[in-house]
N, C-alpha and C. Protein backbone atom coordinates (compact mmCIF):
# COMPACT_ATOMS: atom_id res chain seq x y z
N GLN A 1 -7.14 -27.28 8.77
CA GLN A 1 -7.37 -26.28 9.85
C GLN A 1 -6.46 -26.96 11.09
N ASP A 2 -6.21 -28.26 11.31
CA ASP A 2 -5.07 -28.80 12.00
C ASP A 2 -3.61 -28.88 12.04
N SER A 3 -3.34 -28.65 10.27
CA SER A 3 -2.23 -28.50 9.47
C SER A 3 -1.50 -28.31 10.20
N ALA A 4 0.31 -28.72 10.10
CA ALA A 4 1.11 -27.97 10.97
C ALA A 4 1.92 -27.07 9.94
N GLU A 5 1.70 -27.54 8.43
CA GLU A 5 1.79 -26.74 7.75
C GLU A 5 1.02 -25.82 6.89
N TYR A 6 1.58 -24.08 7.32
CA TYR A 6 0.41 -22.98 7.18
C TYR A 6 1.38 -22.45 6.00
N PRO A 7 0.42 -22.03 4.50
CA PRO A 7 0.85 -22.07 3.41
C PRO A 7 1.72 -20.35 3.27
N LEU A 8 0.86 -19.39 3.73
CA LEU A 8 1.91 -18.53 3.63
C LEU A 8 3.21 -18.63 4.05
N SER A 9 3.80 -19.25 5.33
CA SER A 9 5.22 -19.54 5.66
C SER A 9 5.79 -20.81 4.80
N LEU A 10 5.04 -21.34 4.26
CA LEU A 10 5.91 -22.63 3.43
C LEU A 10 6.84 -21.76 2.76
N SER A 11 7.93 -22.22 2.53
CA SER A 11 9.40 -21.98 1.68
C SER A 11 9.56 -22.70 0.51
N THR A 12 8.42 -23.24 -0.13
CA THR A 12 8.98 -23.69 -1.17
C THR A 12 8.58 -22.69 -2.25
N GLN A 13 9.22 -23.05 -3.47
CA GLN A 13 9.18 -22.03 -4.59
C GLN A 13 7.31 -21.99 -5.25
N PRO A 14 6.74 -22.86 -5.00
CA PRO A 14 5.14 -22.30 -5.45
C PRO A 14 4.87 -21.23 -4.49
N TRP A 15 4.71 -21.80 -3.01
CA TRP A 15 3.88 -20.71 -1.98
C TRP A 15 5.07 -19.57 -1.78
N ARG A 16 6.06 -19.82 -2.04
CA ARG A 16 6.84 -18.49 -2.19
C ARG A 16 6.37 -16.89 -3.37
N ARG A 17 6.16 -17.67 -4.66
CA ARG A 17 5.47 -17.10 -5.79
C ARG A 17 4.11 -16.81 -5.62
N PHE A 18 3.92 -17.57 -4.66
CA PHE A 18 1.67 -17.33 -4.48
C PHE A 18 1.86 -15.90 -3.07
N ARG A 19 2.72 -16.16 -2.11
CA ARG A 19 2.74 -15.08 -1.43
C ARG A 19 3.34 -13.89 -1.87
N ALA A 20 4.01 -13.80 -2.60
CA ALA A 20 4.40 -12.70 -3.29
C ALA A 20 3.69 -12.13 -4.11
N GLY A 21 2.62 -12.91 -5.42
CA GLY A 21 1.89 -12.42 -6.19
C GLY A 21 0.48 -11.82 -5.32
N PHE A 22 0.42 -12.69 -4.21
CA PHE A 22 -0.98 -12.50 -3.17
C PHE A 22 -0.90 -10.91 -2.74
N CYS A 23 0.50 -10.77 -2.30
CA CYS A 23 0.91 -9.13 -2.10
C CYS A 23 1.60 -8.39 -3.18
N GLU A 24 1.31 -8.79 -4.34
CA GLU A 24 1.45 -7.63 -5.40
C GLU A 24 0.21 -7.43 -5.82
N LEU A 25 -0.88 -8.39 -5.88
CA LEU A 25 -2.40 -8.59 -6.40
C LEU A 25 -2.71 -7.17 -5.94
N VAL A 26 -3.40 -7.09 -4.33
CA VAL A 26 -3.54 -6.27 -2.95
C VAL A 26 -3.34 -4.61 -3.30
N ALA A 27 -1.49 -4.38 -3.65
CA ALA A 27 -1.44 -3.70 -3.30
C ALA A 27 -1.81 -3.05 -5.51
N ALA A 28 -1.63 -4.14 -6.39
CA ALA A 28 -2.00 -3.64 -7.90
C ALA A 28 -3.39 -3.32 -7.54
N VAL A 29 -4.24 -3.51 -6.83
CA VAL A 29 -5.85 -2.80 -6.67
C VAL A 29 -5.96 -1.63 -6.41
N VAL A 30 -5.36 -1.56 -5.60
CA VAL A 30 -5.40 0.13 -4.95
C VAL A 30 -4.66 0.69 -5.75
N ARG A 31 -2.94 0.76 -6.41
CA ARG A 31 -2.89 1.18 -7.37
C ARG A 31 -3.12 1.64 -8.55
N GLN A 32 -3.95 0.82 -9.13
CA GLN A 32 -4.69 0.51 -10.80
C GLN A 32 -5.91 1.36 -10.39
N CYS A 33 -6.39 1.06 -9.39
CA CYS A 33 -7.77 2.00 -8.94
C CYS A 33 -7.88 3.17 -8.10
N GLN A 34 -6.30 3.90 -7.90
CA GLN A 34 -6.16 4.92 -7.05
C GLN A 34 -6.91 6.03 -7.65
N TYR A 35 -7.48 6.70 -8.74
CA TYR A 35 -8.21 7.68 -9.02
C TYR A 35 -9.48 7.83 -9.18
N THR A 36 -10.01 6.06 -9.33
CA THR A 36 -11.13 5.96 -9.18
C THR A 36 -12.12 5.67 -8.29
N VAL A 37 -12.02 4.18 -7.97
CA VAL A 37 -12.90 2.83 -7.26
C VAL A 37 -12.45 3.20 -6.01
N VAL A 38 -10.66 3.78 -5.43
CA VAL A 38 -10.46 3.81 -4.16
C VAL A 38 -11.56 4.60 -3.22
N TYR A 39 -12.19 5.32 -4.31
CA TYR A 39 -12.72 6.20 -3.20
C TYR A 39 -14.32 6.37 -3.05
N ASP A 40 -14.61 5.01 -3.85
CA ASP A 40 -15.65 4.71 -4.21
C ASP A 40 -16.00 3.77 -2.55
N GLU A 41 -17.35 3.99 -1.32
CA GLU A 41 -16.89 3.36 -0.33
C GLU A 41 -17.61 1.60 -0.89
N PHE A 42 -18.07 1.57 -2.10
CA PHE A 42 -18.74 0.11 -2.26
C PHE A 42 -17.38 -0.94 -1.84
N LEU A 43 -16.27 -1.02 -3.24
CA LEU A 43 -15.30 -1.21 -3.12
C LEU A 43 -14.92 -1.74 -1.82
N MET A 44 -14.58 -0.30 -1.38
CA MET A 44 -13.50 -0.41 -0.01
C MET A 44 -14.09 -1.53 1.50
N ASP A 45 -15.84 -1.18 1.13
CA ASP A 45 -16.49 -1.43 2.15
C ASP A 45 -16.37 -3.21 2.28
N ALA A 46 -16.73 -3.36 0.66
CA ALA A 46 -16.75 -5.22 0.42
C ALA A 46 -15.28 -5.39 0.99
N LEU A 47 -14.26 -4.87 0.31
CA LEU A 47 -13.07 -5.28 0.80
C LEU A 47 -13.28 -5.89 2.43
N ILE A 48 -13.03 -4.67 2.79
CA ILE A 48 -12.71 -4.76 4.72
C ILE A 48 -13.77 -5.80 5.03
N SER A 49 -14.85 -6.12 4.59
CA SER A 49 -15.92 -7.19 4.92
C SER A 49 -15.18 -8.29 5.08
N LEU A 50 -14.55 -8.45 3.36
CA LEU A 50 -13.70 -9.82 3.37
C LEU A 50 -12.91 -10.04 3.71
N LEU A 51 -12.01 -9.08 4.38
CA LEU A 51 -11.00 -9.21 5.34
C LEU A 51 -11.37 -9.36 7.00
N THR A 52 -12.27 -8.92 7.22
CA THR A 52 -13.00 -9.26 8.80
C THR A 52 -13.55 -10.91 8.55
N GLY A 53 -14.46 -10.74 7.41
CA GLY A 53 -14.89 -12.01 7.68
C GLY A 53 -13.70 -13.47 7.89
N LEU A 54 -12.53 -13.08 7.16
CA LEU A 54 -11.29 -13.82 7.03
C LEU A 54 -10.94 -14.22 8.18
N SER A 55 -10.85 -13.04 8.94
CA SER A 55 -9.70 -12.66 10.10
C SER A 55 -10.53 -13.31 11.16
N ASP A 56 -11.78 -13.92 11.25
CA ASP A 56 -13.00 -13.78 12.24
C ASP A 56 -13.13 -15.66 11.89
N SER A 57 -12.39 -16.16 11.02
CA SER A 57 -12.69 -17.38 10.86
C SER A 57 -12.01 -18.03 11.91
N GLN A 58 -12.76 -19.53 11.90
CA GLN A 58 -11.65 -20.45 12.68
C GLN A 58 -10.08 -21.35 12.32
N VAL A 59 -9.78 -21.00 11.04
CA VAL A 59 -9.17 -21.39 10.44
C VAL A 59 -8.14 -20.28 10.41
N ARG A 60 -6.91 -20.97 10.88
CA ARG A 60 -5.54 -20.05 11.21
C ARG A 60 -4.95 -19.12 9.81
N ALA A 61 -4.96 -20.31 9.24
CA ALA A 61 -4.20 -19.49 7.56
C ALA A 61 -5.51 -18.64 7.21
N PHE A 62 -6.72 -18.73 7.25
CA PHE A 62 -7.36 -17.54 6.60
C PHE A 62 -7.14 -16.26 7.28
N ARG A 63 -6.98 -16.33 9.00
CA ARG A 63 -6.65 -15.34 9.96
C ARG A 63 -5.22 -14.55 9.22
N HIS A 64 -4.40 -15.52 8.88
CA HIS A 64 -3.47 -14.75 8.95
C HIS A 64 -3.38 -14.37 7.35
N THR A 65 -3.65 -15.07 6.63
CA THR A 65 -3.87 -14.36 5.22
C THR A 65 -4.62 -12.95 5.15
N SER A 66 -5.66 -13.18 5.81
CA SER A 66 -6.52 -11.36 5.88
C SER A 66 -5.51 -11.01 6.66
N THR A 67 -4.93 -10.94 7.39
CA THR A 67 -3.83 -9.77 8.36
C THR A 67 -2.80 -9.79 7.52
N LEU A 68 -2.32 -10.65 6.05
CA LEU A 68 -0.88 -10.01 6.01
C LEU A 68 -1.74 -8.92 4.45
N ALA A 69 -3.11 -9.56 3.96
CA ALA A 69 -3.77 -8.72 3.19
C ALA A 69 -4.41 -7.30 3.49
N ALA A 70 -4.43 -7.05 4.87
CA ALA A 70 -4.81 -6.00 5.15
C ALA A 70 -3.81 -5.56 5.16
N MET A 71 -2.74 -5.66 5.58
CA MET A 71 -1.56 -4.58 5.97
C MET A 71 -1.08 -4.08 4.91
N LYS A 72 -1.13 -5.44 3.63
CA LYS A 72 -0.84 -4.97 2.10
C LYS A 72 -2.01 -3.53 1.83
N LEU A 73 -2.76 -4.08 1.98
CA LEU A 73 -4.21 -2.82 1.63
C LEU A 73 -3.41 -1.56 2.33
N MET A 74 -3.18 -1.10 3.30
CA MET A 74 -3.32 -0.50 4.37
C MET A 74 -1.43 0.07 3.73
N THR A 75 -0.80 -0.23 3.63
CA THR A 75 0.33 0.52 3.21
C THR A 75 -0.08 0.41 1.56
N ALA A 76 -0.55 0.02 0.84
CA ALA A 76 -0.98 0.87 -0.61
C ALA A 76 -2.04 1.93 -0.40
N LEU A 77 -2.51 1.74 0.56
CA LEU A 77 -3.63 3.04 0.51
C LEU A 77 -3.14 4.26 1.19
N VAL A 78 -1.58 4.00 1.94
CA VAL A 78 -0.93 5.09 2.37
C VAL A 78 0.11 5.79 1.14
N ASN A 79 0.04 4.77 0.50
CA ASN A 79 0.90 5.07 -0.60
C ASN A 79 0.35 6.44 -1.57
N VAL A 80 -1.08 5.42 -1.48
CA VAL A 80 -2.12 6.98 -2.32
C VAL A 80 -2.53 7.82 -1.62
N ALA A 81 -2.33 8.04 -0.33
CA ALA A 81 -2.55 9.45 0.09
C ALA A 81 -1.65 10.06 -0.29
N LEU A 82 -0.41 9.90 0.06
CA LEU A 82 1.07 10.39 0.08
C LEU A 82 1.21 10.99 -1.75
N GLY A 83 0.83 10.42 -2.17
CA GLY A 83 0.62 10.75 -3.40
C GLY A 83 -0.30 11.96 -3.73
N VAL A 84 -1.45 11.57 -3.27
CA VAL A 84 -2.49 12.70 -3.37
C VAL A 84 -1.93 14.29 -2.63
N SER A 85 -1.26 13.70 -1.34
CA SER A 85 -0.95 14.98 -0.94
C SER A 85 0.18 15.63 -1.53
N LEU A 86 1.02 14.84 -2.08
CA LEU A 86 2.08 15.66 -3.00
C LEU A 86 1.55 16.31 -4.17
N HIS A 87 0.50 15.75 -4.97
CA HIS A 87 -0.30 16.28 -6.17
C HIS A 87 -0.64 17.87 -5.33
N GLN A 88 -1.47 17.45 -3.99
CA GLN A 88 -2.04 18.91 -3.87
C GLN A 88 -1.36 19.89 -3.45
N GLU A 89 0.09 19.59 -2.47
CA GLU A 89 1.16 20.63 -2.77
C GLU A 89 1.56 20.94 -3.78
N ASN A 90 1.65 20.25 -5.11
CA ASN A 90 2.49 20.57 -6.40
C ASN A 90 1.17 21.95 -6.43
N ASN A 91 -0.20 21.83 -6.68
CA ASN A 91 -1.00 22.42 -7.47
C ASN A 91 -0.88 23.74 -6.34
N GLN A 92 -1.31 23.79 -5.09
CA GLN A 92 -1.35 24.69 -4.36
C GLN A 92 -0.14 25.68 -4.58
N ARG A 93 1.14 25.48 -4.94
CA ARG A 93 2.33 25.76 -5.13
C ARG A 93 2.06 26.26 -6.80
N GLN A 94 2.30 25.51 -7.58
CA GLN A 94 1.49 26.49 -8.65
C GLN A 94 0.78 27.88 -8.13
N TYR A 95 -0.70 27.24 -8.39
CA TYR A 95 -1.84 28.21 -7.76
C TYR A 95 -0.79 29.56 -7.82
N GLU A 96 -0.44 29.56 -6.56
CA GLU A 96 0.03 30.64 -5.96
C GLU A 96 1.69 31.61 -6.63
N ALA A 97 2.26 30.42 -7.54
CA ALA A 97 2.92 31.13 -8.38
C ALA A 97 2.64 31.92 -9.19
N GLU A 98 1.64 31.27 -9.80
CA GLU A 98 0.67 32.19 -11.07
C GLU A 98 0.00 33.09 -10.14
N ARG A 99 -0.77 33.10 -9.74
CA ARG A 99 -1.61 33.99 -8.69
C ARG A 99 -0.84 35.57 -8.71
N SER A 100 0.83 35.12 -7.87
CA SER A 100 1.42 36.30 -7.74
C SER A 100 1.93 37.10 -8.79
N LYS A 101 1.94 36.35 -10.02
CA LYS A 101 2.65 37.48 -11.23
C LYS A 101 1.87 38.18 -11.42
N GLY A 102 2.40 39.34 -12.22
CA GLY A 102 1.97 40.09 -12.42
C GLY A 102 0.49 40.85 -13.36
N PRO A 103 -0.35 41.65 -13.45
CA PRO A 103 -1.92 41.03 -13.82
C PRO A 103 -1.03 40.68 -15.20
N GLY A 104 -0.32 41.58 -16.02
CA GLY A 104 0.22 41.16 -17.75
C GLY A 104 0.74 39.55 -17.75
N ARG A 105 0.90 39.38 -16.71
CA ARG A 105 2.23 38.49 -17.21
C ARG A 105 1.41 36.98 -16.86
N ARG A 106 -0.03 37.32 -16.35
CA ARG A 106 -0.34 35.91 -14.86
C ARG A 106 -1.90 35.07 -16.43
N ALA A 107 -2.03 34.03 -16.82
CA ALA A 107 -2.67 33.44 -17.39
C ALA A 107 -3.87 32.95 -16.99
N THR A 108 -4.79 33.78 -17.14
CA THR A 108 -6.16 33.25 -16.06
C THR A 108 -6.68 31.95 -16.23
N ASP A 109 -6.23 31.56 -17.62
CA ASP A 109 -6.60 29.91 -17.89
C ASP A 109 -6.04 29.14 -17.36
N LYS A 110 -5.10 29.18 -17.09
CA LYS A 110 -4.07 28.40 -15.74
C LYS A 110 -4.63 28.26 -14.88
N LEU A 111 -4.85 29.71 -14.18
CA LEU A 111 -5.29 30.07 -12.82
C LEU A 111 -6.15 29.54 -12.58
N GLU A 112 -7.50 29.54 -13.86
CA GLU A 112 -8.79 28.61 -13.18
C GLU A 112 -8.43 27.43 -13.61
N ALA A 113 -7.54 26.59 -14.74
CA ALA A 113 -7.73 25.08 -14.52
C ALA A 113 -6.68 24.85 -13.54
N LEU A 114 -5.74 25.24 -12.79
CA LEU A 114 -5.30 24.99 -11.29
C LEU A 114 -6.41 24.91 -10.08
N LEU A 115 -7.26 26.33 -9.99
CA LEU A 115 -8.36 26.15 -9.12
C LEU A 115 -9.12 24.98 -9.26
N GLU A 116 -9.54 24.94 -9.79
CA GLU A 116 -10.26 23.32 -10.40
C GLU A 116 -10.04 22.08 -10.56
N LYS A 117 -8.39 22.25 -10.79
CA LYS A 117 -7.84 20.64 -10.13
C LYS A 117 -7.46 20.63 -8.69
N ARG A 118 -7.40 22.03 -7.60
CA ARG A 118 -7.75 22.06 -6.70
C ARG A 118 -8.58 21.70 -5.71
N ARG A 119 -9.91 21.48 -6.28
CA ARG A 119 -10.85 21.97 -5.91
C ARG A 119 -11.70 19.98 -6.24
């Protein structure tokens, strides 16, 4: 607790690898779960509780580690939200393009699939 050496700020090779790996782990968890578990309240609540618990610690290294993890988590979640927004816009554009076609050229099954995907 009173050590002057803080693990995430050490510049030795093992700690640089740990820092990079830790940041990548947080981002990879969100990236791998972006279509399913991210929307489950249980995982996010548990992860936020863990980070909150670490940030309330008396140990400075835990507080800083949880801050770093929270920043990486939020960055990954923003990237997921951006991807969802882009998919939603593309889907809406495809739906509007298909709907604007004439009755003879319109593919109703594709229109229904796009509508279901939008929902």
